[in-house]
Amino acid sequence: MNVKVLGVGCSVCQSMYNTVTQIVAREHTEAEVEYVTDIDKILSHGVLSTPALVINDRVVMQGFRGARKIEQALREACQI
């Protein structure tokens, strides 16, 4: 699974990235987690607000909605 956190480097974006990496490590999920700060790459996903969570090239979340929502999105992606 490929997971990207799209963000411009602010504390909220960093918090989402940290939360994602903690969940992936805790659940022993095989995932490549990437933190993307390049604005052109962020815009290529059609994202206009950050942070955003992209799983397997699909935007699943815009805005940091907490660890439970992130965990739910990751679980759903693993089941597909």
N, C-alpha and C. Protein backbone atom coordinates (compact mmCIF):
# COMPACT_ATOMS: atom_id res chain seq x y z
N MET A 1 0.85 -1.16 0.00
CA MET A 1 0.00 0.00 0.00
C MET A 1 0.90 1.23 0.00
N ASN A 2 0.50 2.22 -0.76
CA ASN A 2 1.22 3.48 -0.82
C ASN A 2 0.39 4.56 -0.14
N VAL A 3 0.97 5.22 0.85
CA VAL A 3 0.27 6.25 1.61
C VAL A 3 1.07 7.54 1.51
N LYS A 4 0.36 8.62 1.16
CA LYS A 4 1.01 9.93 1.08
C LYS A 4 0.24 10.91 1.95
N VAL A 5 0.98 11.70 2.68
CA VAL A 5 0.41 12.84 3.38
C VAL A 5 0.87 14.06 2.59
N LEU A 6 -0.09 14.80 2.07
CA LEU A 6 0.22 16.00 1.31
C LEU A 6 0.11 17.19 2.24
N GLY A 7 1.17 17.96 2.32
CA GLY A 7 1.16 19.11 3.21
C GLY A 7 2.27 20.08 2.91
N VAL A 8 2.11 21.28 3.43
CA VAL A 8 3.07 22.34 3.15
C VAL A 8 4.09 22.52 4.27
N GLY A 9 4.08 21.65 5.25
CA GLY A 9 5.07 21.70 6.31
C GLY A 9 4.59 22.33 7.61
N CYS A 10 3.32 22.67 7.68
CA CYS A 10 2.79 23.28 8.90
C CYS A 10 2.64 22.23 10.00
N SER A 11 2.35 22.68 11.20
CA SER A 11 2.26 21.76 12.34
C SER A 11 1.10 20.77 12.19
N VAL A 12 0.02 21.18 11.56
CA VAL A 12 -1.13 20.28 11.36
C VAL A 12 -0.75 19.18 10.37
N CYS A 13 -0.06 19.56 9.31
CA CYS A 13 0.39 18.58 8.32
C CYS A 13 1.38 17.60 8.94
N GLN A 14 2.30 18.11 9.73
CA GLN A 14 3.26 17.26 10.44
C GLN A 14 2.54 16.31 11.38
N SER A 15 1.52 16.81 12.05
CA SER A 15 0.76 15.98 12.98
C SER A 15 0.06 14.83 12.26
N MET A 16 -0.51 15.12 11.08
CA MET A 16 -1.14 14.05 10.31
C MET A 16 -0.11 13.02 9.89
N TYR A 17 1.05 13.46 9.41
CA TYR A 17 2.09 12.54 9.00
C TYR A 17 2.54 11.67 10.18
N ASN A 18 2.76 12.27 11.33
CA ASN A 18 3.17 11.51 12.51
C ASN A 18 2.11 10.50 12.91
N THR A 19 0.85 10.89 12.86
CA THR A 19 -0.24 9.99 13.20
C THR A 19 -0.29 8.80 12.24
N VAL A 20 -0.15 9.08 10.95
CA VAL A 20 -0.17 8.00 9.95
C VAL A 20 0.97 7.02 10.19
N THR A 21 2.18 7.53 10.40
CA THR A 21 3.32 6.63 10.60
C THR A 21 3.17 5.81 11.89
N GLN A 22 2.60 6.40 12.92
CA GLN A 22 2.37 5.67 14.17
C GLN A 22 1.36 4.55 13.97
N ILE A 23 0.28 4.83 13.27
CA ILE A 23 -0.75 3.81 13.04
C ILE A 23 -0.19 2.68 12.18
N VAL A 24 0.54 3.02 11.13
CA VAL A 24 1.11 2.00 10.25
C VAL A 24 2.07 1.11 11.04
N ALA A 25 2.90 1.71 11.88
CA ALA A 25 3.85 0.93 12.68
C ALA A 25 3.12 0.07 13.72
N ARG A 26 2.15 0.63 14.39
CA ARG A 26 1.42 -0.09 15.43
C ARG A 26 0.66 -1.30 14.86
N GLU A 27 0.08 -1.12 13.68
CA GLU A 27 -0.72 -2.18 13.08
C GLU A 27 0.11 -3.13 12.21
N HIS A 28 1.41 -2.87 12.12
CA HIS A 28 2.32 -3.69 11.31
C HIS A 28 1.82 -3.79 9.86
N THR A 29 1.33 -2.68 9.37
CA THR A 29 0.83 -2.61 8.01
C THR A 29 1.99 -2.42 7.05
N GLU A 30 1.98 -3.19 5.97
CA GLU A 30 3.01 -3.03 4.96
C GLU A 30 2.60 -1.85 4.08
N ALA A 31 3.20 -0.72 4.36
CA ALA A 31 2.87 0.49 3.62
C ALA A 31 4.09 1.37 3.50
N GLU A 32 4.19 2.00 2.36
CA GLU A 32 5.22 3.01 2.14
C GLU A 32 4.55 4.35 2.45
N VAL A 33 5.05 5.06 3.44
CA VAL A 33 4.46 6.33 3.85
C VAL A 33 5.39 7.45 3.40
N GLU A 34 4.80 8.41 2.71
CA GLU A 34 5.58 9.50 2.14
C GLU A 34 4.95 10.84 2.55
N TYR A 35 5.78 11.79 2.85
CA TYR A 35 5.31 13.14 3.17
C TYR A 35 5.67 14.05 2.00
N VAL A 36 4.67 14.53 1.28
CA VAL A 36 4.86 15.30 0.06
C VAL A 36 4.62 16.77 0.36
N THR A 37 5.65 17.59 0.13
CA THR A 37 5.52 19.03 0.36
C THR A 37 5.61 19.83 -0.93
N ASP A 38 5.95 19.19 -2.03
CA ASP A 38 6.08 19.88 -3.31
C ASP A 38 4.69 20.32 -3.79
N ILE A 39 4.49 21.62 -3.95
CA ILE A 39 3.17 22.15 -4.28
C ILE A 39 2.64 21.63 -5.61
N ASP A 40 3.53 21.42 -6.59
CA ASP A 40 3.08 20.89 -7.88
C ASP A 40 2.55 19.46 -7.74
N LYS A 41 3.23 18.66 -6.92
CA LYS A 41 2.76 17.29 -6.70
C LYS A 41 1.44 17.28 -5.92
N ILE A 42 1.31 18.21 -4.97
CA ILE A 42 0.06 18.30 -4.21
C ILE A 42 -1.09 18.67 -5.15
N LEU A 43 -0.88 19.67 -5.98
CA LEU A 43 -1.92 20.10 -6.92
C LEU A 43 -2.26 19.03 -7.95
N SER A 44 -1.28 18.18 -8.29
CA SER A 44 -1.54 17.12 -9.28
C SER A 44 -2.57 16.11 -8.77
N HIS A 45 -2.79 16.08 -7.47
CA HIS A 45 -3.82 15.20 -6.89
C HIS A 45 -5.18 15.89 -6.82
N GLY A 46 -5.25 17.13 -7.27
CA GLY A 46 -6.50 17.87 -7.23
C GLY A 46 -6.84 18.40 -5.85
N VAL A 47 -5.86 18.46 -4.99
CA VAL A 47 -6.06 18.89 -3.60
C VAL A 47 -5.85 20.40 -3.52
N LEU A 48 -6.81 21.09 -2.92
CA LEU A 48 -6.70 22.54 -2.76
C LEU A 48 -6.51 22.95 -1.31
N SER A 49 -6.65 21.99 -0.39
CA SER A 49 -6.40 22.29 1.03
C SER A 49 -5.60 21.15 1.63
N THR A 50 -4.73 21.50 2.55
CA THR A 50 -3.88 20.51 3.19
C THR A 50 -4.08 20.57 4.69
N PRO A 51 -3.77 19.51 5.39
CA PRO A 51 -3.18 18.27 4.89
C PRO A 51 -4.22 17.42 4.17
N ALA A 52 -3.72 16.52 3.36
CA ALA A 52 -4.58 15.56 2.67
C ALA A 52 -3.92 14.19 2.78
N LEU A 53 -4.77 13.18 2.82
CA LEU A 53 -4.31 11.80 2.91
C LEU A 53 -4.64 11.09 1.60
N VAL A 54 -3.62 10.52 0.98
CA VAL A 54 -3.78 9.81 -0.29
C VAL A 54 -3.35 8.37 -0.06
N ILE A 55 -4.24 7.45 -0.38
CA ILE A 55 -3.94 6.03 -0.25
C ILE A 55 -4.08 5.39 -1.62
N ASN A 56 -3.00 4.77 -2.07
CA ASN A 56 -2.98 4.13 -3.39
C ASN A 56 -3.48 5.08 -4.47
N ASP A 57 -2.96 6.30 -4.47
CA ASP A 57 -3.25 7.34 -5.46
C ASP A 57 -4.70 7.83 -5.45
N ARG A 58 -5.40 7.61 -4.35
CA ARG A 58 -6.77 8.10 -4.21
C ARG A 58 -6.84 9.00 -2.99
N VAL A 59 -7.31 10.23 -3.17
CA VAL A 59 -7.46 11.16 -2.05
C VAL A 59 -8.63 10.67 -1.20
N VAL A 60 -8.34 10.35 0.07
CA VAL A 60 -9.38 9.82 0.96
C VAL A 60 -9.74 10.79 2.07
N MET A 61 -8.93 11.83 2.25
CA MET A 61 -9.21 12.77 3.32
C MET A 61 -8.52 14.10 3.04
N GLN A 62 -9.26 15.18 3.27
CA GLN A 62 -8.67 16.51 3.23
C GLN A 62 -8.95 17.16 4.57
N GLY A 63 -7.92 17.67 5.18
CA GLY A 63 -8.04 18.20 6.54
C GLY A 63 -7.75 17.11 7.54
N PHE A 64 -7.18 17.48 8.66
CA PHE A 64 -6.83 16.51 9.70
C PHE A 64 -8.05 16.29 10.58
N ARG A 65 -8.60 15.10 10.53
CA ARG A 65 -9.83 14.77 11.25
C ARG A 65 -9.60 13.86 12.44
N GLY A 66 -8.35 13.65 12.79
CA GLY A 66 -8.04 12.84 13.96
C GLY A 66 -7.60 11.44 13.62
N ALA A 67 -7.01 10.80 14.61
CA ALA A 67 -6.43 9.47 14.43
C ALA A 67 -7.47 8.41 14.08
N ARG A 68 -8.65 8.51 14.65
CA ARG A 68 -9.67 7.48 14.37
C ARG A 68 -10.09 7.47 12.91
N LYS A 69 -10.26 8.64 12.33
CA LYS A 69 -10.64 8.72 10.91
C LYS A 69 -9.51 8.23 10.01
N ILE A 70 -8.28 8.54 10.38
CA ILE A 70 -7.14 8.07 9.60
C ILE A 70 -7.05 6.56 9.68
N GLU A 71 -7.19 6.02 10.87
CA GLU A 71 -7.14 4.57 11.05
C GLU A 71 -8.25 3.89 10.25
N GLN A 72 -9.43 4.46 10.26
CA GLN A 72 -10.55 3.91 9.51
C GLN A 72 -10.23 3.90 8.00
N ALA A 73 -9.68 4.98 7.49
CA ALA A 73 -9.33 5.06 6.07
C ALA A 73 -8.27 4.03 5.70
N LEU A 74 -7.29 3.85 6.57
CA LEU A 74 -6.25 2.85 6.31
C LEU A 74 -6.81 1.43 6.33
N ARG A 75 -7.69 1.15 7.28
CA ARG A 75 -8.31 -0.18 7.34
C ARG A 75 -9.14 -0.47 6.09
N GLU A 76 -9.92 0.51 5.67
CA GLU A 76 -10.74 0.34 4.48
C GLU A 76 -9.87 0.11 3.25
N ALA A 77 -8.75 0.78 3.16
CA ALA A 77 -7.86 0.61 2.03
C ALA A 77 -7.23 -0.78 2.01
N CYS A 78 -6.97 -1.34 3.17
CA CYS A 78 -6.39 -2.68 3.25
C CYS A 78 -7.38 -3.76 2.82
N GLN A 79 -8.65 -3.49 2.96
CA GLN A 79 -9.67 -4.48 2.64
C GLN A 79 -10.06 -4.48 1.17
N ILE A 80 -9.67 -3.44 0.46
CA ILE A 80 -10.05 -3.35 -0.96
C ILE A 80 -9.19 -4.28 -1.78
